[in-house]
């Protein structure tokens, strides 16, 4: 056992004495030591209940003859950190989570791990750590919160952000806003639509690192606790069979994840996280692959914010594995790979059915014949940018208009709420990338403001920062190279005409290369305002990385 390095032989007597200081018996020390990585905290709705999930995992490990040992991971709530300096710290926590899990797992000689994440950066951070550490590992998330009907409307967090825009526009009273506030987030769990957290929990299934149901079983269902107990038992089986994350996470499974991403219409942030996770697993996953997969993968689901359904609806319809079964029927996913069930995906899919074809469309009657995410390229985004195409209204798939240029999210929001943005405009928010922010803020507030002001079918937004998984409308983010690294988005000026064609995958300003070059001669790149602490370290790493959006601490 790996843990023999901290418990076997006379020379490890001091180590054993420290285990015994924590109340462990000789019998417990002799068994496999299973680390349970818990993101439990009292500041994140998706983490509030994780002690219950962890206790269920402990039970499963004990039932199968292991010794469970819990240690923590941090997590920032993207919703609470949105719209102020806190959002600069969200993406960087992915690296902090990965680093801390690696340090704890290797520092203490664990034999295997069960990861208990939830929410946006914790799931990819733990997946990165799993690939990096490469000891038997199973994922079981805390699950999504429920969405409930209030006055006939299915409420969720994205609707809450949009309600602020409606209130600012004078279309909603304070009393109505408070009603929304009290109804939008009715239970613990990750926010109820196909936002980043739920996207990554679903993709954990698609990669094969989580059991069926991980992405969709609601946080408050007893079925979630049963899943956690099963995860505790399965990790012991993986340990016995020596099945490691890199045996599961390979080129085939990441291509499967991209196909499921397209079919579900996941968050654009998946295009940040999947390449970073793949990098840790030794797999090259470029943005160019996204369009290749999108071209052949139909969009089968429209969950909030792209449509009216939520995660409990997807679970009732058969879940992620039902979507994968439908894709497998046309050879769009590879079913030969081993998964954390101890079986191949082909074996996992036996007997799986779609239970509601209004939630999961049949493959011959999809919402669209192409996937839910698109990567655009052009003279404004030479290395690419990402849009949640499934959440864009048809009339905005092709759009051109004058640029309204802002050097921060805050400036843009002030202009939107001040009535300075009109139909046809293209809002450009720059210097919000990984280095320029620094931290690459996620911007649900400006997109929600556009929706709340009734302009979502008339105004496009582009940024070198990120747009939330809860975003709908023509919001195009992750533009690379970012302004702070000399990207052409930093050279745009007020009134420049920007042309967006999501059908052809293009985004271009009506400027020649010569005009861009001339502007570059006199252009001064804005330096990040925060120069100390974790953000300064992150900005430095981004500068030295070839692609900041896929930053991974080696």
Protein backbone atom coordinates (compact mmCIF):
# COMPACT_ATOMS: atom_id res chain seq x y z
CA UNK A 1 0.00 0.00 0.00
CA UNK A 2 1.12 3.58 -0.64
CA UNK A 3 0.32 4.36 2.98
CA UNK A 4 3.01 1.92 4.11
CA UNK A 5 5.37 4.85 3.62
CA UNK A 6 3.84 6.51 6.68
CA UNK A 7 2.96 3.50 8.86
CA UNK A 8 5.11 0.40 8.31
CA UNK A 9 8.29 -0.67 10.11
CA UNK A 10 10.10 0.36 13.27
CA UNK A 11 11.26 3.63 11.74
CA UNK A 12 7.62 4.69 11.31
CA UNK A 13 6.79 4.30 15.01
CA UNK A 14 6.79 8.12 15.44
CA UNK A 15 4.35 8.38 12.53
CA UNK A 16 2.05 5.76 14.08
CA UNK A 17 2.14 7.61 17.39
CA UNK A 18 0.78 10.68 15.59
CA UNK A 19 -2.04 8.63 14.06
CA UNK A 20 -2.81 7.30 17.53
CA UNK A 21 -2.89 10.88 18.85
CA UNK A 22 -5.98 11.26 16.67
CA UNK A 23 -7.64 8.27 18.32
CA UNK A 24 -6.82 5.66 15.67
CA UNK A 25 -6.44 2.02 16.62
CA UNK A 26 -3.81 -0.32 15.19
CA UNK A 27 -6.56 -1.93 13.12
CA UNK A 28 -7.51 1.39 11.54
CA UNK A 29 -3.88 2.26 10.79
CA UNK A 30 -3.30 -1.12 9.13
CA UNK A 31 -6.20 -0.66 6.69
CA UNK A 32 -5.96 1.39 3.47
CA UNK A 33 -6.03 5.11 4.27
CA UNK A 34 -8.69 6.79 2.14
CA UNK A 35 -8.61 10.57 1.95
CA UNK A 36 -12.00 12.27 1.65
CA UNK A 37 -11.53 15.77 0.26
CA UNK A 38 -14.41 17.92 1.49
CA UNK A 39 -15.27 21.40 0.23
CA UNK A 40 -17.65 21.87 3.19
CA UNK A 41 -18.10 25.48 4.28
CA UNK A 42 -20.86 27.75 5.57
CA UNK A 43 -20.45 30.49 2.92
CA UNK A 44 -21.32 28.53 -0.25
CA UNK A 45 -24.87 27.16 -0.76
CA UNK A 46 -23.45 24.22 -2.71
CA UNK A 47 -21.14 23.35 0.19
CA UNK A 48 -23.39 23.91 3.20
CA UNK A 49 -24.59 20.29 3.32
CA UNK A 50 -21.38 18.51 2.31
CA UNK A 51 -20.84 17.17 5.82
CA UNK A 52 -23.86 14.92 5.15
CA UNK A 53 -22.36 13.72 1.87
CA UNK A 54 -18.96 13.19 3.51
CA UNK A 55 -20.52 11.14 6.30
CA UNK A 56 -22.18 8.92 3.69
CA UNK A 57 -18.85 8.47 1.90
CA UNK A 58 -17.23 7.56 5.24
CA UNK A 59 -19.88 4.90 5.73
CA UNK A 60 -19.20 3.43 2.30
CA UNK A 61 -15.43 3.32 2.92
CA UNK A 62 -15.88 1.70 6.33
CA UNK A 63 -18.30 -0.89 4.89
CA UNK A 64 -15.62 -1.90 2.42
CA UNK A 65 -12.72 -2.16 4.85
CA UNK A 66 -10.97 1.20 4.51
CA UNK A 67 -10.09 3.91 6.99
CA UNK A 68 -11.69 7.22 5.94
CA UNK A 69 -9.80 10.44 6.76
CA UNK A 70 -11.39 13.79 5.92
CA UNK A 71 -9.45 16.91 4.96
CA UNK A 72 -10.75 20.23 3.57
CA UNK A 73 -10.61 22.23 0.36
CA UNK A 74 -11.47 25.90 -0.06
CA UNK A 75 -14.15 27.26 -2.37
CA UNK A 76 -15.41 30.70 -3.41
CA UNK A 77 -19.11 31.17 -4.19
CA UNK A 78 -19.24 32.74 -7.66
CA UNK A 79 -22.64 34.27 -7.00
CA UNK A 80 -21.64 36.00 -3.76
CA UNK A 81 -18.30 37.10 -5.21
CA UNK A 82 -19.91 38.48 -8.39
CA UNK A 83 -19.80 42.19 -9.22
CA UNK A 84 -17.02 43.33 -6.86
CA UNK A 85 -13.35 42.66 -6.14
CA UNK A 86 -14.23 39.18 -4.87
CA UNK A 87 -14.75 37.89 -8.42
CA UNK A 88 -11.07 38.51 -9.16
CA UNK A 89 -10.35 35.68 -6.72
CA UNK A 90 -12.72 33.06 -8.13
CA UNK A 91 -10.81 31.51 -11.03
CA UNK A 92 -7.48 31.53 -9.22
CA UNK A 93 -8.95 29.23 -6.54
CA UNK A 94 -8.99 26.45 -9.15
CA UNK A 95 -5.19 26.41 -9.01
CA UNK A 96 -5.21 26.72 -5.21
CA UNK A 97 -7.58 23.77 -4.86
CA UNK A 98 -5.47 21.61 -7.18
CA UNK A 99 -2.25 22.52 -5.41
CA UNK A 100 -3.64 21.98 -1.90
CA UNK A 101 -5.17 18.58 -2.71
CA UNK A 102 -1.87 17.46 -4.25
CA UNK A 103 0.04 18.63 -1.17
CA UNK A 104 -2.30 16.87 1.27
CA UNK A 105 -2.59 13.63 -0.73
CA UNK A 106 1.13 13.16 -1.32
CA UNK A 107 2.21 14.64 2.01
CA UNK A 108 0.27 12.03 3.98
CA UNK A 109 0.64 8.94 1.83
CA UNK A 110 -3.06 8.28 1.14
CA UNK A 111 -3.88 5.10 -0.75
CA UNK A 112 -6.92 6.53 -2.53
CA UNK A 113 -9.19 9.59 -2.55
CA UNK A 114 -12.86 10.43 -2.70
CA UNK A 115 -13.44 14.00 -3.87
CA UNK A 116 -16.55 15.76 -2.53
CA UNK A 117 -16.77 19.05 -4.46
CA UNK A 118 -19.50 21.37 -5.64
CA UNK A 119 -19.51 24.72 -7.37
CA UNK A 120 -17.60 26.31 -10.16
CA UNK A 121 -13.84 26.11 -9.56
CA UNK A 122 -13.76 23.35 -6.96
CA UNK A 123 -14.84 20.58 -9.35
CA UNK A 124 -12.21 21.32 -12.04
CA UNK A 125 -9.57 22.03 -9.39
CA UNK A 126 -10.13 18.61 -7.83
CA UNK A 127 -10.19 16.91 -11.25
CA UNK A 128 -6.84 18.54 -12.03
CA UNK A 129 -5.47 17.26 -8.73
CA UNK A 130 -6.81 13.76 -9.38
CA UNK A 131 -4.98 13.59 -12.71
CA UNK A 132 -1.84 15.06 -11.20
CA UNK A 133 -1.67 12.81 -8.11
CA UNK A 134 -2.93 9.74 -10.03
CA UNK A 135 -4.03 7.46 -7.22
CA UNK A 136 -7.44 5.68 -7.25
CA UNK A 137 -10.08 8.43 -7.00
CA UNK A 138 -13.87 8.73 -7.18
CA UNK A 139 -15.89 11.95 -7.40
CA UNK A 140 -19.25 12.52 -5.73
CA UNK A 141 -20.53 16.08 -5.74
CA UNK A 142 -23.01 17.73 -3.42
CA UNK A 143 -25.57 17.93 -6.24
CA UNK A 144 -27.75 20.74 -7.60
CA UNK A 145 -30.31 22.78 -5.68
CA UNK A 146 -33.95 22.50 -6.64
CA UNK A 147 -35.82 25.06 -8.68
CA UNK A 148 -39.37 25.81 -7.56
CA UNK A 149 -42.32 27.50 -9.20
CA UNK A 150 -43.35 30.89 -7.87
CA UNK A 151 -46.46 32.40 -9.45
CA UNK A 152 -46.11 29.96 -12.31
CA UNK A 153 -42.45 30.79 -13.01
CA UNK A 154 -39.51 28.42 -12.42
CA UNK A 155 -37.09 30.57 -10.45
CA UNK A 156 -33.30 30.29 -10.42
CA UNK A 157 -30.25 32.47 -9.80
CA UNK A 158 -29.93 33.76 -13.38
CA UNK A 159 -33.51 35.01 -13.26
CA UNK A 160 -32.61 36.77 -10.00
CA UNK A 161 -29.74 38.65 -11.66
CA UNK A 162 -32.02 39.56 -14.57
CA UNK A 163 -34.63 40.81 -12.09
CA UNK A 164 -32.13 43.43 -10.94
CA UNK A 165 -31.99 44.74 -14.51
CA UNK A 166 -35.78 44.83 -14.68
CA UNK A 167 -35.91 46.71 -11.38
CA UNK A 168 -33.32 49.24 -12.58
CA UNK A 169 -35.30 49.72 -15.79
CA UNK A 170 -38.43 50.47 -13.76
CA UNK A 171 -40.22 47.30 -14.89
CA UNK A 172 -40.31 45.70 -11.44
CA UNK A 173 -41.19 47.03 -8.01
CA UNK A 174 -39.10 46.61 -4.86
CA UNK A 175 -41.74 44.22 -3.52
CA UNK A 176 -41.55 42.07 -6.65
CA UNK A 177 -37.76 42.06 -6.47
CA UNK A 178 -37.92 40.84 -2.87
CA UNK A 179 -40.36 38.10 -3.88
CA UNK A 180 -37.83 36.93 -6.48
CA UNK A 181 -35.06 37.10 -3.92
CA UNK A 182 -36.97 34.82 -1.55
CA UNK A 183 -37.84 32.25 -4.23
CA UNK A 184 -34.75 32.00 -6.47
CA UNK A 185 -32.57 29.70 -4.33
CA UNK A 186 -34.89 27.49 -2.24
CA UNK A 187 -32.46 24.74 -1.14
CA UNK A 188 -28.78 24.01 -0.66
CA UNK A 189 -26.81 22.72 -3.65
CA UNK A 190 -25.16 24.13 -6.75
CA UNK A 191 -27.41 26.63 -8.55
CA UNK A 192 -30.18 24.82 -10.41
CA UNK A 193 -29.50 25.52 -14.11
CA UNK A 194 -26.82 24.28 -16.51
CA UNK A 195 -24.33 26.73 -15.09
CA UNK A 196 -20.63 26.04 -14.56
CA UNK A 197 -20.87 23.93 -11.39
CA UNK A 198 -23.53 21.60 -12.77
CA UNK A 199 -21.80 21.53 -16.15
CA UNK A 200 -18.58 20.29 -14.56
CA UNK A 201 -20.40 17.79 -12.33
CA UNK A 202 -22.12 16.40 -15.42
CA UNK A 203 -18.85 16.31 -17.35
CA UNK A 204 -17.24 14.42 -14.45
CA UNK A 205 -19.68 11.64 -15.36
CA UNK A 206 -18.86 11.97 -19.06
CA UNK A 207 -15.12 11.68 -18.35
CA UNK A 208 -15.79 8.60 -16.24
CA UNK A 209 -14.57 9.95 -12.90
CA UNK A 210 -18.00 10.09 -11.23
CA UNK A 211 -20.83 7.59 -10.84
CA UNK A 212 -24.03 7.89 -12.91
CA UNK A 213 -26.28 10.53 -11.34
CA UNK A 214 -23.43 12.62 -9.96
CA UNK A 215 -24.35 15.67 -12.05
CA UNK A 216 -28.12 15.60 -11.71
CA UNK A 217 -29.40 14.02 -8.47
CA UNK A 218 -30.59 17.01 -6.40
CA UNK A 219 -28.68 17.87 -3.25
CA UNK A 220 -31.67 17.30 -0.98
CA UNK A 221 -32.65 13.85 -2.32
CA UNK A 222 -31.87 10.78 -0.21
CA UNK A 223 -30.61 9.27 -3.46
CA UNK A 224 -27.65 11.66 -3.22
CA UNK A 225 -26.61 10.10 0.12
CA UNK A 226 -26.94 6.61 -1.34
CA UNK A 227 -24.73 7.70 -4.25
CA UNK A 228 -22.12 8.95 -1.76
CA UNK A 229 -22.10 5.63 0.10
CA UNK A 230 -21.64 3.83 -3.21
CA UNK A 231 -18.72 6.16 -4.05
CA UNK A 232 -17.05 5.16 -0.78
CA UNK A 233 -17.44 1.50 -1.68
CA UNK A 234 -16.34 1.96 -5.28
CA UNK A 235 -13.07 3.66 -4.35
CA UNK A 236 -12.09 0.54 -2.41
CA UNK A 237 -12.78 -1.57 -5.49
CA UNK A 238 -10.68 0.80 -7.59
CA UNK A 239 -7.87 0.51 -5.06
CA UNK A 240 -8.03 -3.27 -5.17
CA UNK A 241 -7.95 -3.26 -8.99
CA UNK A 242 -5.40 -0.42 -9.12
CA UNK A 243 -7.55 1.71 -11.46
CA UNK A 244 -6.12 5.23 -11.46
CA UNK A 245 -7.43 8.53 -12.89
CA UNK A 246 -5.07 8.46 -15.87
CA UNK A 247 -6.39 5.00 -16.73
CA UNK A 248 -9.78 6.69 -17.09
CA UNK A 249 -8.94 10.20 -18.28
CA UNK A 250 -7.48 9.95 -21.78
CA UNK A 251 -8.03 11.42 -25.24
CA UNK A 252 -11.16 9.32 -25.83
CA UNK A 253 -12.86 10.33 -22.59
CA UNK A 254 -12.11 14.02 -23.08
CA UNK A 255 -13.62 13.81 -26.56
CA UNK A 256 -16.64 12.17 -24.92
CA UNK A 257 -16.81 15.10 -22.50
CA UNK A 258 -16.79 17.58 -25.39
CA UNK A 259 -19.64 15.67 -27.09
CA UNK A 260 -21.72 15.64 -23.91
CA UNK A 261 -20.87 19.32 -23.40
CA UNK A 262 -22.34 20.10 -26.83
CA UNK A 263 -25.42 17.92 -26.34
CA UNK A 264 -26.24 19.43 -22.94
CA UNK A 265 -25.37 23.03 -23.83
CA UNK A 266 -22.98 23.41 -20.89
CA UNK A 267 -21.33 26.56 -19.59
CA UNK A 268 -18.70 28.28 -21.74
CA UNK A 269 -16.40 27.94 -18.72
CA UNK A 270 -16.06 24.26 -19.59
CA UNK A 271 -13.78 25.46 -22.39
CA UNK A 272 -11.47 26.85 -19.72
CA UNK A 273 -11.57 23.85 -17.43
CA UNK A 274 -11.53 20.81 -19.74
CA UNK A 275 -8.20 21.79 -21.40
CA UNK A 276 -6.63 22.45 -17.97
CA UNK A 277 -7.78 19.06 -16.64
CA UNK A 278 -6.63 17.35 -19.83
CA UNK A 279 -3.24 19.05 -19.50
CA UNK A 280 -2.78 17.45 -16.07
CA UNK A 281 -3.67 14.07 -17.57
CA UNK A 282 -1.12 14.49 -20.35
CA UNK A 283 -3.76 15.06 -23.04
CA UNK A 284 -3.73 17.97 -25.50
CA UNK A 285 -7.24 19.40 -25.84
CA UNK A 286 -7.30 22.49 -28.04
CA UNK A 287 -10.15 24.92 -28.57
CA UNK A 288 -10.17 23.96 -32.25
CA UNK A 289 -11.49 20.51 -31.31
CA UNK A 290 -14.61 22.13 -29.83
CA UNK A 291 -15.92 23.25 -33.22
CA UNK A 292 -15.09 19.88 -34.77
CA UNK A 293 -17.13 18.11 -32.12
CA UNK A 294 -19.89 20.73 -32.24
CA UNK A 295 -20.28 20.28 -36.00
CA UNK A 296 -21.19 16.61 -35.59
CA UNK A 297 -22.96 16.67 -32.19
CA UNK A 298 -26.59 17.82 -31.93
CA UNK A 299 -27.86 19.91 -29.05
CA UNK A 300 -30.38 17.68 -27.23
CA UNK A 301 -31.11 19.71 -24.08
CA UNK A 302 -32.03 23.29 -23.26
CA UNK A 303 -31.66 23.80 -19.54
CA UNK A 304 -31.69 27.20 -17.86
CA UNK A 305 -30.58 29.74 -18.92
CA UNK A 306 -30.96 28.42 -22.51
CA UNK A 307 -34.40 26.94 -21.83
CA UNK A 308 -37.13 26.40 -19.25
CA UNK A 309 -35.81 23.20 -17.62
CA UNK A 310 -33.60 22.65 -14.59
CA UNK A 311 -31.35 19.95 -13.19
CA UNK A 312 -34.09 18.00 -11.44
CA UNK A 313 -35.87 17.79 -14.81
CA UNK A 314 -32.75 16.33 -16.45
CA UNK A 315 -32.47 13.81 -13.62
CA UNK A 316 -36.13 12.78 -14.03
CA UNK A 317 -35.56 12.39 -17.79
CA UNK A 318 -32.74 9.90 -17.27
CA UNK A 319 -29.73 12.08 -16.49
CA UNK A 320 -26.37 12.45 -18.21
CA UNK A 321 -26.09 8.76 -18.99
CA UNK A 322 -29.37 8.89 -20.92
CA UNK A 323 -27.88 11.68 -23.03
CA UNK A 324 -24.74 9.59 -23.53
CA UNK A 325 -26.83 6.58 -24.54
CA UNK A 326 -28.50 8.70 -27.22
CA UNK A 327 -25.12 9.95 -28.47
CA UNK A 328 -23.71 6.41 -28.43
CA UNK A 329 -26.54 5.27 -30.71
CA UNK A 330 -24.87 7.31 -33.48
CA UNK A 331 -21.29 6.57 -32.48
CA UNK A 332 -20.74 10.08 -31.09
CA UNK A 333 -19.12 8.84 -27.87
CA UNK A 334 -16.54 6.09 -27.37
CA UNK A 335 -17.95 3.49 -24.97
CA UNK A 336 -14.86 1.31 -24.59
CA UNK A 337 -13.19 3.13 -21.70
CA UNK A 338 -13.16 1.99 -18.08
CA UNK A 339 -14.96 4.23 -15.54
CA UNK A 340 -15.09 4.53 -11.74
CA UNK A 341 -17.92 2.02 -11.68
CA UNK A 342 -15.26 -0.56 -12.49
CA UNK A 343 -17.08 -1.17 -15.78
CA UNK A 344 -16.79 0.29 -19.25
CA UNK A 345 -19.10 3.04 -20.40
CA UNK A 346 -20.75 0.50 -22.72
CA UNK A 347 -21.62 -1.64 -19.70
CA UNK A 348 -22.84 1.40 -17.76
CA UNK A 349 -25.21 2.37 -20.58
CA UNK A 350 -26.97 -1.01 -20.76
CA UNK A 351 -30.62 -0.59 -19.87
CA UNK A 352 -30.40 3.23 -19.71
CA UNK A 353 -33.39 4.97 -21.31
CA UNK A 354 -34.60 8.48 -21.96
CA UNK A 355 -37.67 8.86 -19.76
CA UNK A 356 -38.86 12.25 -21.04
CA UNK A 357 -38.14 13.26 -24.63
CA UNK A 358 -39.29 16.81 -24.07
CA UNK A 359 -36.30 17.28 -21.73
CA UNK A 360 -33.81 15.13 -23.67
CA UNK A 361 -34.64 15.38 -27.36
CA UNK A 362 -34.15 12.29 -29.56
CA UNK A 363 -31.04 12.52 -31.70
CA UNK A 364 -33.09 12.68 -34.91
CA UNK A 365 -35.13 15.60 -33.56
CA UNK A 366 -32.62 17.85 -31.74
CA UNK A 367 -32.90 21.52 -30.85
CA UNK A 368 -30.15 22.04 -33.39
CA UNK A 369 -27.91 19.78 -35.46
CA UNK A 370 -24.83 21.49 -33.99
CA UNK A 371 -23.62 21.66 -30.41
CA UNK A 372 -24.44 24.17 -27.69
CA UNK A 373 -21.02 25.87 -27.59
CA UNK A 374 -19.11 27.56 -30.41
CA UNK A 375 -15.56 28.84 -30.69
CA UNK A 376 -15.17 31.97 -32.84
CA UNK A 377 -11.96 33.31 -34.37
CA UNK A 378 -11.01 36.46 -36.20
CA UNK A 379 -8.92 39.59 -35.97
CA UNK A 380 -10.35 40.41 -32.53
CA UNK A 381 -9.73 36.88 -31.19
CA UNK A 382 -6.84 35.35 -33.10
CA UNK A 383 -6.58 32.43 -30.65
CA UNK A 384 -10.33 32.10 -30.20
CA UNK A 385 -13.25 33.03 -27.97
CA UNK A 386 -16.28 31.13 -26.71
CA UNK A 387 -20.05 31.62 -26.86
CA UNK A 388 -22.94 29.55 -25.49
CA UNK A 389 -24.62 29.34 -28.87
CA UNK A 390 -27.63 27.40 -27.55
CA UNK A 391 -28.58 30.41 -25.37
CA UNK A 392 -28.40 32.97 -28.22
CA UNK A 393 -31.60 34.10 -29.92
CA UNK A 394 -31.65 33.27 -33.69
CA UNK A 395 -31.63 36.93 -34.72
CA UNK A 396 -28.30 37.48 -32.89
CA UNK A 397 -26.38 34.59 -34.45
CA UNK A 398 -25.22 37.09 -37.07
CA UNK A 399 -24.79 40.66 -35.84
CA UNK A 400 -22.80 43.77 -36.62
CA UNK A 401 -22.74 47.04 -34.77
CA UNK A 402 -20.65 49.85 -33.30
CA UNK A 403 -18.33 49.09 -30.38
CA UNK A 404 -19.00 50.66 -26.99
CA UNK A 405 -15.62 50.19 -25.32
CA UNK A 406 -15.03 49.85 -21.56
CA UNK A 407 -11.88 48.98 -19.63
CA UNK A 408 -13.70 47.23 -16.79
CA UNK A 409 -16.95 45.46 -16.00
CA UNK A 410 -17.93 48.22 -13.59
CA UNK A 411 -17.76 50.93 -16.29
CA UNK A 412 -19.94 48.83 -18.59
CA UNK A 413 -22.61 48.18 -15.96
CA UNK A 414 -22.82 51.89 -15.18
CA UNK A 415 -23.37 52.65 -18.87
CA UNK A 416 -26.01 49.92 -19.28
CA UNK A 417 -28.03 51.02 -16.28
CA UNK A 418 -27.52 54.66 -17.30
CA UNK A 419 -29.35 54.02 -20.57
CA UNK A 420 -26.24 54.69 -22.68
CA UNK A 421 -26.40 51.37 -24.53
CA UNK A 422 -28.87 51.18 -27.41
CA UNK A 423 -30.11 48.57 -29.87
CA UNK A 424 -27.42 47.36 -32.25
CA UNK A 425 -24.46 48.17 -29.98
CA UNK A 426 -21.61 45.77 -29.22
CA UNK A 427 -20.46 46.21 -25.62
CA UNK A 428 -16.71 45.55 -25.36
CA UNK A 429 -15.35 44.85 -21.87
CA UNK A 430 -11.57 44.46 -21.85
CA UNK A 431 -8.72 44.26 -19.33
CA UNK A 432 -10.72 41.63 -17.43
CA UNK A 433 -8.64 38.62 -18.53
CA UNK A 434 -6.45 36.36 -16.36
CA UNK A 435 -3.60 38.89 -16.25
CA UNK A 436 -5.48 42.09 -17.00
CA UNK A 437 -8.15 41.70 -14.32
CA UNK A 438 -6.16 40.20 -12.82
CA UNK A 439 -8.15 37.05 -12.19
CA UNK A 440 -10.53 36.87 -15.19
CA UNK A 441 -13.78 37.96 -13.58
CA UNK A 442 -16.99 36.20 -14.56
CA UNK A 443 -19.61 38.71 -15.62
CA UNK A 444 -23.19 37.73 -15.02
CA UNK A 445 -24.11 41.25 -13.90
CA UNK A 446 -23.63 43.06 -17.26
CA UNK A 447 -25.32 40.32 -19.30
CA UNK A 448 -28.20 40.20 -16.84
CA UNK A 449 -28.44 43.98 -17.00
CA UNK A 450 -28.78 43.75 -20.79
CA UNK A 451 -31.53 41.14 -20.42
CA UNK A 452 -33.29 43.09 -17.69
CA UNK A 453 -33.24 46.22 -19.85
CA UNK A 454 -34.90 44.23 -22.67
CA UNK A 455 -31.91 44.42 -25.03
CA UNK A 456 -30.78 40.77 -25.11
CA UNK A 457 -32.01 40.31 -28.69
CA UNK A 458 -30.40 43.53 -29.89
CA UNK A 459 -27.05 43.97 -28.12
CA UNK A 460 -23.93 41.77 -28.14
CA UNK A 461 -21.27 41.70 -25.44
CA UNK A 462 -17.65 40.62 -25.86
CA UNK A 463 -14.88 40.39 -23.28
CA UNK A 464 -11.47 38.95 -22.51
CA UNK A 465 -12.96 38.06 -19.15
CA UNK A 466 -15.54 35.33 -18.67
CA UNK A 467 -19.28 35.13 -19.03
CA UNK A 468 -21.17 33.06 -16.50
CA UNK A 469 -22.73 29.70 -17.25
CA UNK A 470 -25.93 31.44 -16.20
CA UNK A 471 -25.60 33.90 -19.09
CA UNK A 472 -27.96 34.02 -22.04
CA UNK A 473 -27.86 36.23 -25.10
CA UNK A 474 -25.01 37.09 -27.46
CA UNK A 475 -22.33 37.12 -24.77
CA UNK A 476 -18.91 36.17 -26.15
CA UNK A 477 -16.10 35.69 -23.64
CA UNK A 478 -12.63 34.28 -23.03
CA UNK A 479 -11.22 36.32 -25.93
CA UNK A 480 -7.58 35.36 -26.44
CA UNK A 481 -5.09 36.92 -26.50
CA UNK A 482 -6.41 39.23 -23.82
CA UNK A 483 -5.86 42.99 -23.89
CA UNK A 484 -3.19 42.86 -21.18
CA UNK A 485 -1.13 40.45 -23.31
CA UNK A 486 -1.36 42.66 -26.40
CA UNK A 487 -4.53 41.22 -27.90
CA UNK A 488 -6.36 43.21 -30.56
CA UNK A 489 -9.39 43.63 -28.28
CA UNK A 490 -7.24 46.23 -26.50
CA UNK A 491 -6.93 48.22 -29.73
CA UNK A 492 -10.65 48.64 -30.41
CA UNK A 493 -12.03 52.15 -30.24
CA UNK A 494 -15.45 53.63 -29.67
CA UNK A 495 -17.53 53.33 -32.85
CA UNK A 496 -15.45 50.63 -34.58
CA UNK A 497 -17.79 48.23 -36.36
CA UNK A 498 -17.63 44.67 -35.08
CA UNK A 499 -19.02 41.78 -37.14
CA UNK A 500 -20.08 38.56 -35.38
CA UNK A 501 -21.05 35.46 -37.34
CA UNK A 502 -21.69 32.47 -35.09
CA UNK A 503 -22.81 30.40 -38.08
CA UNK A 504 -19.39 30.73 -39.70
CA UNK A 505 -17.49 30.96 -36.41
CA UNK A 506 -16.08 34.43 -37.07
CA UNK A 507 -15.59 37.62 -35.07
CA UNK A 508 -13.90 40.55 -36.81
CA UNK A 509 -13.59 44.29 -36.56
CA UNK A 510 -13.77 46.24 -39.82
CA UNK A 511 -10.10 47.09 -39.51
CA UNK A 512 -7.19 46.03 -41.68
CA UNK A 513 -4.01 44.51 -40.32
CA UNK A 514 -2.28 47.77 -41.19
CA UNK A 515 -4.79 49.76 -39.12
CA UNK A 516 -4.30 47.44 -36.14
CA UNK A 517 -0.51 47.74 -36.53
CA UNK A 518 -0.67 51.54 -36.63
CA UNK A 519 -2.78 51.65 -33.47
CA UNK A 520 -0.38 49.28 -31.75
CA UNK A 521 2.50 51.75 -32.21
CA UNK A 522 0.88 54.27 -29.85
CA UNK A 523 -1.10 51.87 -27.65
CA UNK A 524 -0.15 51.55 -23.99
CA UNK A 525 -1.18 48.35 -22.24
CA UNK A 526 -2.87 48.95 -18.88
CA UNK A 527 -1.11 47.23 -16.00
CA UNK A 528 -3.10 45.27 -13.39
CA UNK A 529 -3.96 47.42 -10.39
CA UNK A 530 -3.37 44.66 -7.83
CA UNK A 531 0.34 43.96 -7.42
CA UNK A 532 0.56 41.86 -4.24
CA UNK A 533 -0.76 38.54 -2.97
CA UNK A 534 -2.28 35.62 -4.82
CA UNK A 535 -3.57 37.73 -7.71
CA UNK A 536 -0.11 39.08 -8.45
CA UNK A 537 1.27 35.53 -8.46
CA UNK A 538 -1.51 34.43 -10.79
CA UNK A 539 -0.93 37.35 -13.19
CA UNK A 540 2.77 36.47 -13.29
CA UNK A 541 2.00 32.83 -14.08
CA UNK A 542 -0.36 33.91 -16.86
CA UNK A 543 2.31 36.09 -18.42
CA UNK A 544 4.70 33.15 -18.57
CA UNK A 545 2.08 30.69 -19.81
CA UNK A 546 1.43 30.21 -23.51
CA UNK A 547 -2.31 30.50 -22.97
CA UNK A 548 -3.51 32.08 -19.75
CA UNK A 549 -7.03 30.66 -20.04
CA UNK A 550 -5.67 27.13 -19.79
CA UNK A 551 -3.27 28.00 -17.00
CA UNK A 552 -2.22 25.05 -14.90
CA UNK A 553 0.40 25.19 -12.17
CA UNK A 554 2.95 22.53 -13.09
